[in-house]
């Protein structure tokens, strides 16, 4: 089965930011997904560089990607360039959060 960016992003919806209780995709924390055959590299950010559970979120994201049918390897890169801001959240979700 062909691995798609959409399938990877769907899997990443299962990874929640523990502070906000929302998933990485909704929060706009998934900056990039590269699929090369069955290998996936995702670039994500966090709401804060001082996040105490950064390692756990990266590991959860890697496991979620590895769970996508057809994926043989997953790499998750953490970046803060550009820094995450609430503007990356979709306007509808932002308004429901009062942001």
C-alpha atoms as a PDB file:
ATOM      1  CA  UNK A   1       0.000   0.000   0.000  1.00  0.00           C
ATOM      2  CA  UNK A   2       1.260   3.462  -0.918  1.00  0.00           C
ATOM      3  CA  UNK A   3       2.061   5.722   2.028  1.00  0.00           C
ATOM      4  CA  UNK A   4       0.540   9.200   1.655  1.00  0.00           C
ATOM      5  CA  UNK A   5       1.048  12.492   3.441  1.00  0.00           C
ATOM      6  CA  UNK A   6      -2.669  12.486   4.241  1.00  0.00           C
ATOM      7  CA  UNK A   7      -2.381   9.109   6.006  1.00  0.00           C
ATOM      8  CA  UNK A   8       0.576  10.381   8.035  1.00  0.00           C
ATOM      9  CA  UNK A   9      -1.250  13.573   9.034  1.00  0.00           C
ATOM     10  CA  UNK A  10      -4.292  11.502  10.000  1.00  0.00           C
ATOM     11  CA  UNK A  11      -2.092   9.360  12.246  1.00  0.00           C
ATOM     12  CA  UNK A  12      -0.580  12.480  13.822  1.00  0.00           C
ATOM     13  CA  UNK A  13      -4.076  13.582  14.832  1.00  0.00           C
ATOM     14  CA  UNK A  14      -3.786  10.908  17.517  1.00  0.00           C
ATOM     15  CA  UNK A  15      -0.880  12.724  19.178  1.00  0.00           C
ATOM     16  CA  UNK A  16      -2.114  15.308  21.673  1.00  0.00           C
ATOM     17  CA  UNK A  17      -0.413  18.285  23.241  1.00  0.00           C
ATOM     18  CA  UNK A  18      -0.925  17.428  26.938  1.00  0.00           C
ATOM     19  CA  UNK A  19      -1.309  21.051  28.000  1.00  0.00           C
ATOM     20  CA  UNK A  20      -3.952  22.043  25.456  1.00  0.00           C
ATOM     21  CA  UNK A  21      -5.492  18.611  24.880  1.00  0.00           C
ATOM     22  CA  UNK A  22      -5.548  19.162  21.113  1.00  0.00           C
ATOM     23  CA  UNK A  23      -3.703  17.185  18.469  1.00  0.00           C
ATOM     24  CA  UNK A  24      -0.556  18.243  16.635  1.00  0.00           C
ATOM     25  CA  UNK A  25      -2.363  18.756  13.322  1.00  0.00           C
ATOM     26  CA  UNK A  26      -5.155  20.957  14.708  1.00  0.00           C
ATOM     27  CA  UNK A  27      -2.595  23.052  16.588  1.00  0.00           C
ATOM     28  CA  UNK A  28      -0.570  23.599  13.414  1.00  0.00           C
ATOM     29  CA  UNK A  29       2.476  21.914  14.943  1.00  0.00           C
ATOM     30  CA  UNK A  30       3.121  19.690  11.899  1.00  0.00           C
ATOM     31  CA  UNK A  31       5.321  21.847   9.693  1.00  0.00           C
ATOM     32  CA  UNK A  32       6.207  19.317   6.999  1.00  0.00           C
ATOM     33  CA  UNK A  33       5.718  15.689   6.002  1.00  0.00           C
ATOM     34  CA  UNK A  34       8.008  14.075   3.427  1.00  0.00           C
ATOM     35  CA  UNK A  35       7.149  10.629   2.093  1.00  0.00           C
ATOM     36  CA  UNK A  36       9.704   8.701   0.079  1.00  0.00           C
ATOM     37  CA  UNK A  37       8.306   5.277  -0.786  1.00  0.00           C
ATOM     38  CA  UNK A  38       7.809   3.738   2.665  1.00  0.00           C
ATOM     39  CA  UNK A  39      10.066   6.176   4.551  1.00  0.00           C
ATOM     40  CA  UNK A  40       8.567   9.196   6.288  1.00  0.00           C
ATOM     41  CA  UNK A  41      10.184  12.289   7.740  1.00  0.00           C
ATOM     42  CA  UNK A  42       7.993  14.694   9.677  1.00  0.00           C
ATOM     43  CA  UNK A  43       9.051  18.096  10.941  1.00  0.00           C
ATOM     44  CA  UNK A  44       7.081  19.253  13.951  1.00  0.00           C
ATOM     45  CA  UNK A  45       7.227  22.004  16.508  1.00  0.00           C
ATOM     46  CA  UNK A  46       5.895  22.472  20.009  1.00  0.00           C
ATOM     47  CA  UNK A  47       3.890  25.283  21.553  1.00  0.00           C
ATOM     48  CA  UNK A  48       6.951  26.171  23.647  1.00  0.00           C
ATOM     49  CA  UNK A  49      10.657  25.370  23.387  1.00  0.00           C
ATOM     50  CA  UNK A  50      10.570  24.804  27.163  1.00  0.00           C
ATOM     51  CA  UNK A  51       7.957  22.030  26.871  1.00  0.00           C
ATOM     52  CA  UNK A  52       8.727  19.500  29.629  1.00  0.00           C
ATOM     53  CA  UNK A  53       7.295  16.593  27.621  1.00  0.00           C
ATOM     54  CA  UNK A  54       8.981  17.382  24.293  1.00  0.00           C
ATOM     55  CA  UNK A  55      10.710  14.004  24.153  1.00  0.00           C
ATOM     56  CA  UNK A  56       7.450  12.158  24.778  1.00  0.00           C
ATOM     57  CA  UNK A  57       5.601  14.112  22.070  1.00  0.00           C
ATOM     58  CA  UNK A  58       8.352  13.403  19.524  1.00  0.00           C
ATOM     59  CA  UNK A  59       8.321   9.702  20.463  1.00  0.00           C
ATOM     60  CA  UNK A  60       4.501   9.562  20.276  1.00  0.00           C
ATOM     61  CA  UNK A  61       4.620  11.194  16.828  1.00  0.00           C
ATOM     62  CA  UNK A  62       7.217   8.676  15.634  1.00  0.00           C
ATOM     63  CA  UNK A  63       5.120   5.754  16.901  1.00  0.00           C
ATOM     64  CA  UNK A  64       1.991   7.179  15.265  1.00  0.00           C
ATOM     65  CA  UNK A  65       3.777   7.436  11.909  1.00  0.00           C
ATOM     66  CA  UNK A  66       5.228   3.935  12.264  1.00  0.00           C
ATOM     67  CA  UNK A  67       1.652   2.717  12.764  1.00  0.00           C
ATOM     68  CA  UNK A  68       0.619   3.872   9.281  1.00  0.00           C
ATOM     69  CA  UNK A  69       0.212   0.904   6.970  1.00  0.00           C
ATOM     70  CA  UNK A  70       3.184   0.611   4.629  1.00  0.00           C
ATOM     71  CA  UNK A  71       5.622   2.743   6.646  1.00  0.00           C
ATOM     72  CA  UNK A  72       8.963   1.015   7.214  1.00  0.00           C
ATOM     73  CA  UNK A  73      10.849   3.911   8.799  1.00  0.00           C
ATOM     74  CA  UNK A  74       9.851   7.146  10.490  1.00  0.00           C
ATOM     75  CA  UNK A  75      11.916  10.125  11.518  1.00  0.00           C
ATOM     76  CA  UNK A  76      10.554  13.056  13.488  1.00  0.00           C
ATOM     77  CA  UNK A  77      12.547  16.257  13.533  1.00  0.00           C
ATOM     78  CA  UNK A  78      11.781  18.944  16.090  1.00  0.00           C
ATOM     79  CA  UNK A  79      12.158  22.564  14.993  1.00  0.00           C
ATOM     80  CA  UNK A  80      11.432  25.988  16.382  1.00  0.00           C
ATOM     81  CA  UNK A  81      12.110  27.804  13.119  1.00  0.00           C
ATOM     82  CA  UNK A  82       9.783  29.477  12.597  1.00  0.00           C
ATOM     83  CA  UNK A  83       8.527  29.618  16.173  1.00  0.00           C
ATOM     84  CA  UNK A  84       4.996  28.332  16.649  1.00  0.00           C
ATOM     85  CA  UNK A  85       2.286  30.916  17.278  1.00  0.00           C
ATOM     86  CA  UNK A  86      -1.470  30.482  17.854  1.00  0.00           C
ATOM     87  CA  UNK A  87      -2.049  31.868  14.342  1.00  0.00           C
ATOM     88  CA  UNK A  88      -1.059  28.417  13.040  1.00  0.00           C
ATOM     89  CA  UNK A  89      -4.278  27.012  14.542  1.00  0.00           C
ATOM     90  CA  UNK A  90      -7.221  27.058  12.147  1.00  0.00           C
ATOM     91  CA  UNK A  91      -9.427  30.144  12.672  1.00  0.00           C
ATOM     92  CA  UNK A  92     -12.460  28.048  13.681  1.00  0.00           C
ATOM     93  CA  UNK A  93     -10.556  26.197  16.397  1.00  0.00           C
ATOM     94  CA  UNK A  94      -8.845  29.404  17.518  1.00  0.00           C
ATOM     95  CA  UNK A  95     -12.185  31.102  18.030  1.00  0.00           C
ATOM     96  CA  UNK A  96     -13.556  28.133  19.984  1.00  0.00           C
ATOM     97  CA  UNK A  97     -10.494  28.409  22.270  1.00  0.00           C
ATOM     98  CA  UNK A  98     -11.069  32.126  22.679  1.00  0.00           C
ATOM     99  CA  UNK A  99      -7.800  33.031  20.960  1.00  0.00           C
END
